[in-house]
Amino acid sequence: MIAATAVISAINALSLKPVQCSQYLRPQTGKLNAFYRGFNAVYNRFENWYAALVSWVVHRSGRMMVIYLALMAVTFWGFISVPTGFIPEEDQGYAIVGVQLPDGSSLERTKEVTARVEKILADTPGVAHWINIGGISLLDNSATLSNGAVLYTIYDSFKKRGKAGLSQEKILADLRKKLAGVQDAIVFAVVPPAIQGLGVSGGFQMMLQL
């Protein structure tokens, strides 16, 4: 297919295009109609303006290079300052804390670890309250397992947090530092995705259908 396309293109370039160019470039003998005269008048005006602009830029090459370097610096700053994640995290007023014990752990042991996590949440500034759902493994697609638990952690109001200078980043940084001290389980805090099903904590789900 590619070879046939190349052959057709070569035939066109050697035969049809020269004839077409000769028709376009032949000397003008008659008077142009109103449409072509109007088009040429507008085109010539833009052409003259563009030529004047290029001449002005060329005669100020030093200043143009400074402006160009400044634009490059702004572009580079934008690349390094914009979040690099698939979808930037948003402060939706709550976070999700997952608790994962070793396989086969009883629900009683999970409750004991969860009670310690709740105490950490109570001592974390910016956390208002939480909802504890035991027996759910966040790492296993919310499967019902005795060795898992999920705590939906709700922050204080935006107004209250704003007065205290507590952003979501500060709250999670403090919370994750404290949760790292829990040795009996894997305890982690994640932010819900801005779009349900997408993002770092949402991911993708693939299903095979017959």
Protein backbone atom coordinates (compact mmCIF):
# COMPACT_ATOMS: atom_id res chain seq x y z
CA MET A 1 0.00 0.00 0.00
CA ILE A 2 2.82 2.42 0.87
CA ALA A 3 4.69 1.57 -2.36
CA ALA A 4 1.56 2.14 -4.46
CA THR A 5 1.00 5.50 -2.76
CA ALA A 6 4.60 6.52 -3.50
CA VAL A 7 4.24 5.57 -7.20
CA ILE A 8 0.99 7.55 -7.56
CA SER A 9 2.58 10.55 -5.79
CA ALA A 10 5.60 10.42 -8.13
CA ILE A 11 3.37 10.30 -11.24
CA ASN A 12 1.35 13.23 -9.93
CA ALA A 13 4.48 15.27 -9.18
CA LEU A 14 5.97 14.65 -12.66
CA SER A 15 2.84 15.17 -14.77
CA LEU A 16 -0.20 16.82 -13.24
CA LYS A 17 1.46 19.30 -10.87
CA PRO A 18 3.67 21.02 -13.51
CA VAL A 19 0.61 21.54 -15.73
CA GLN A 20 -1.37 22.90 -12.79
CA CYS A 21 1.46 25.28 -11.86
CA SER A 22 1.70 26.55 -15.43
CA GLN A 23 -1.99 27.40 -15.33
CA TYR A 24 -1.63 29.26 -12.02
CA LEU A 25 1.50 31.18 -13.08
CA ARG A 26 0.48 32.24 -16.57
CA PRO A 27 0.38 36.02 -17.17
CA GLN A 28 -2.86 37.78 -16.28
CA THR A 29 -4.55 39.03 -19.45
CA GLY A 30 -8.06 40.00 -18.42
CA LYS A 31 -9.46 42.19 -15.64
CA LEU A 32 -10.15 40.48 -12.31
CA ASN A 33 -13.73 40.43 -11.07
CA ALA A 34 -14.87 42.23 -7.92
CA PHE A 35 -14.37 39.24 -5.62
CA TYR A 36 -10.71 38.71 -6.58
CA ARG A 37 -9.98 42.44 -6.45
CA GLY A 38 -11.47 42.66 -2.95
CA PHE A 39 -9.57 39.55 -1.83
CA ASN A 40 -6.27 40.90 -3.15
CA ALA A 41 -6.85 44.26 -1.45
CA VAL A 42 -7.42 42.62 1.95
CA TYR A 43 -4.59 40.14 1.47
CA ASN A 44 -2.12 42.84 0.41
CA ARG A 45 -3.00 44.88 3.48
CA PHE A 46 -2.29 41.95 5.81
CA GLU A 47 0.86 41.09 3.86
CA ASN A 48 2.20 44.63 4.23
CA TRP A 49 1.36 44.64 7.96
CA TYR A 50 3.12 41.29 8.46
CA ALA A 51 6.20 42.42 6.53
CA ALA A 52 6.39 45.59 8.64
CA LEU A 53 6.08 43.53 11.83
CA VAL A 54 8.85 41.14 10.76
CA SER A 55 11.09 44.08 9.85
CA TRP A 56 10.43 45.69 13.25
CA VAL A 57 11.28 42.44 15.08
CA VAL A 58 14.45 41.82 13.04
CA HIS A 59 15.78 45.27 13.84
CA ARG A 60 15.26 44.60 17.58
CA SER A 61 16.70 41.08 17.77
CA GLY A 62 18.38 41.67 21.15
CA ARG A 63 15.16 42.64 22.88
CA MET A 64 13.26 39.82 21.17
CA MET A 65 15.79 37.27 22.46
CA VAL A 66 15.30 38.58 26.00
CA ILE A 67 11.54 38.23 25.63
CA TYR A 68 11.99 34.73 24.17
CA LEU A 69 14.19 33.62 27.09
CA ALA A 70 11.66 35.08 29.55
CA LEU A 71 8.87 33.10 27.89
CA MET A 72 10.99 29.94 28.05
CA ALA A 73 11.60 30.54 31.76
CA VAL A 74 7.86 30.99 32.41
CA THR A 75 7.14 27.79 30.46
CA PHE A 76 9.73 25.85 32.46
CA TRP A 77 8.31 27.20 35.72
CA GLY A 78 4.84 26.09 34.63
CA PHE A 79 6.06 22.57 33.91
CA ILE A 80 7.69 22.15 37.32
CA SER A 81 4.90 23.82 39.32
CA VAL A 82 1.87 22.09 37.80
CA PRO A 83 1.02 18.80 39.58
CA THR A 84 2.45 15.84 37.69
CA GLY A 85 -0.15 13.29 38.79
CA PHE A 86 -2.72 11.89 36.42
CA ILE A 87 -5.42 14.01 38.08
CA PRO A 88 -4.46 16.63 40.70
CA GLU A 89 -5.74 16.00 44.22
CA GLU A 90 -8.60 18.17 45.43
CA ASP A 91 -9.60 19.07 48.96
CA GLN A 92 -13.07 17.54 49.17
CA GLY A 93 -13.29 17.86 52.95
CA TYR A 94 -12.44 14.29 53.83
CA ALA A 95 -9.86 11.55 53.46
CA ILE A 96 -9.97 7.77 53.57
CA VAL A 97 -7.88 5.86 56.10
CA GLY A 98 -7.34 2.17 55.36
CA VAL A 99 -6.31 -0.43 57.93
CA GLN A 100 -4.92 -3.75 56.71
CA LEU A 101 -3.82 -6.47 59.15
CA PRO A 102 -2.05 -9.72 58.20
CA ASP A 103 -4.15 -12.35 56.45
CA GLY A 104 -6.28 -14.41 58.81
CA SER A 105 -6.42 -11.78 61.55
CA SER A 106 -9.62 -11.87 63.58
CA LEU A 107 -12.18 -9.08 63.65
CA GLU A 108 -11.44 -8.53 67.35
CA ARG A 109 -7.79 -7.83 66.58
CA THR A 110 -8.85 -5.48 63.80
CA LYS A 111 -11.09 -3.60 66.23
CA GLU A 112 -8.19 -3.23 68.65
CA VAL A 113 -5.93 -1.70 66.01
CA THR A 114 -8.77 0.47 64.71
CA ALA A 115 -9.33 1.84 68.21
CA ARG A 116 -5.72 3.03 68.26
CA VAL A 117 -6.18 4.62 64.85
CA GLU A 118 -9.27 6.42 66.14
CA LYS A 119 -7.26 7.80 69.04
CA ILE A 120 -4.71 9.13 66.54
CA LEU A 121 -7.50 10.76 64.55
CA ALA A 122 -8.87 12.37 67.70
CA ASP A 123 -5.45 13.88 68.46
CA THR A 124 -4.91 15.21 64.91
CA PRO A 125 -5.71 18.93 64.43
CA GLY A 126 -8.13 19.57 61.59
CA VAL A 127 -10.01 16.27 61.93
CA ALA A 128 -13.60 16.77 63.06
CA HIS A 129 -14.99 13.23 63.11
CA TRP A 130 -14.88 9.94 61.25
CA ILE A 131 -16.95 6.94 60.25
CA ASN A 132 -15.49 3.51 61.04
CA ILE A 133 -16.49 0.57 58.86
CA GLY A 134 -14.90 -2.68 59.99
CA GLY A 135 -14.50 -5.85 57.96
CA ILE A 136 -13.75 -4.10 54.65
CA SER A 137 -10.36 -4.30 52.94
CA LEU A 138 -9.54 -1.19 50.96
CA LEU A 139 -6.60 -2.97 49.31
CA ASP A 140 -8.83 -5.78 48.03
CA ASN A 141 -11.40 -3.72 46.12
CA SER A 142 -13.50 -3.21 49.28
CA ALA A 143 -13.89 -6.95 49.79
CA THR A 144 -15.43 -8.21 53.04
CA LEU A 145 -12.47 -9.43 55.12
CA SER A 146 -11.97 -9.64 58.86
CA ASN A 147 -8.46 -8.20 58.68
CA GLY A 148 -9.44 -4.86 57.15
CA ALA A 149 -11.19 -1.66 58.09
CA VAL A 150 -11.93 1.71 56.50
CA LEU A 151 -12.31 5.03 58.30
CA TYR A 152 -13.86 7.94 56.40
CA THR A 153 -12.16 10.91 58.03
CA ILE A 154 -14.02 14.22 57.80
CA TYR A 155 -12.08 17.46 58.26
CA ASP A 156 -13.17 20.59 60.05
CA SER A 157 -15.01 23.16 57.96
CA PHE A 158 -13.01 25.11 55.39
CA LYS A 159 -13.60 28.31 57.34
CA LYS A 160 -12.31 26.84 60.60
CA ARG A 161 -9.31 25.24 58.92
CA GLY A 162 -8.53 28.48 57.09
CA LYS A 163 -8.30 30.41 60.36
CA ALA A 164 -6.00 27.75 61.82
CA GLY A 165 -3.88 27.52 58.65
CA LEU A 166 -4.62 23.81 58.26
CA SER A 167 -4.66 22.74 54.64
CA GLN A 168 -5.33 19.20 53.52
CA GLU A 169 -1.60 18.71 52.91
CA LYS A 170 -0.72 19.70 56.48
CA ILE A 171 -3.42 17.52 57.99
CA LEU A 172 -2.39 14.47 55.97
CA ALA A 173 1.31 15.04 56.63
CA ASP A 174 0.68 15.08 60.38
CA LEU A 175 -1.74 12.15 60.18
CA ARG A 176 0.54 9.95 58.07
CA LYS A 177 3.45 10.59 60.40
CA LYS A 178 1.38 9.38 63.37
CA LEU A 179 -0.10 6.42 61.49
CA ALA A 180 3.39 5.22 60.61
CA GLY A 181 3.83 4.37 64.30
CA VAL A 182 1.18 1.65 64.17
CA GLN A 183 3.21 -1.56 63.91
CA ASP A 184 0.47 -4.21 63.94
CA ALA A 185 -1.04 -3.29 60.58
CA ILE A 186 -0.58 -1.33 57.39
CA VAL A 187 -2.36 1.97 57.97
CA PHE A 188 -2.51 4.57 55.21
CA ALA A 189 -4.42 7.73 54.38
CA VAL A 190 -5.48 8.56 50.82
CA VAL A 191 -7.44 11.36 49.21
CA PRO A 192 -10.54 10.39 47.22
CA PRO A 193 -10.12 10.97 43.47
CA ALA A 194 -11.46 14.18 42.00
CA ILE A 195 -13.33 12.05 39.43
CA GLN A 196 -14.75 8.82 40.76
CA GLY A 197 -12.89 5.86 39.31
CA LEU A 198 -9.87 7.89 38.12
CA GLY A 199 -6.76 9.09 39.88
CA VAL A 200 -4.07 7.73 42.19
CA SER A 201 -6.55 6.24 44.65
CA GLY A 202 -9.20 5.37 42.07
CA GLY A 203 -7.23 3.57 39.36
CA PHE A 204 -8.85 1.57 36.59
CA GLN A 205 -11.03 -1.49 36.65
CA MET A 206 -10.89 -3.97 33.78
CA MET A 207 -13.50 -6.68 33.34
CA LEU A 208 -13.47 -9.57 30.92
CA GLN A 209 -16.87 -10.26 29.41
CA LEU A 210 -17.85 -13.20 27.26
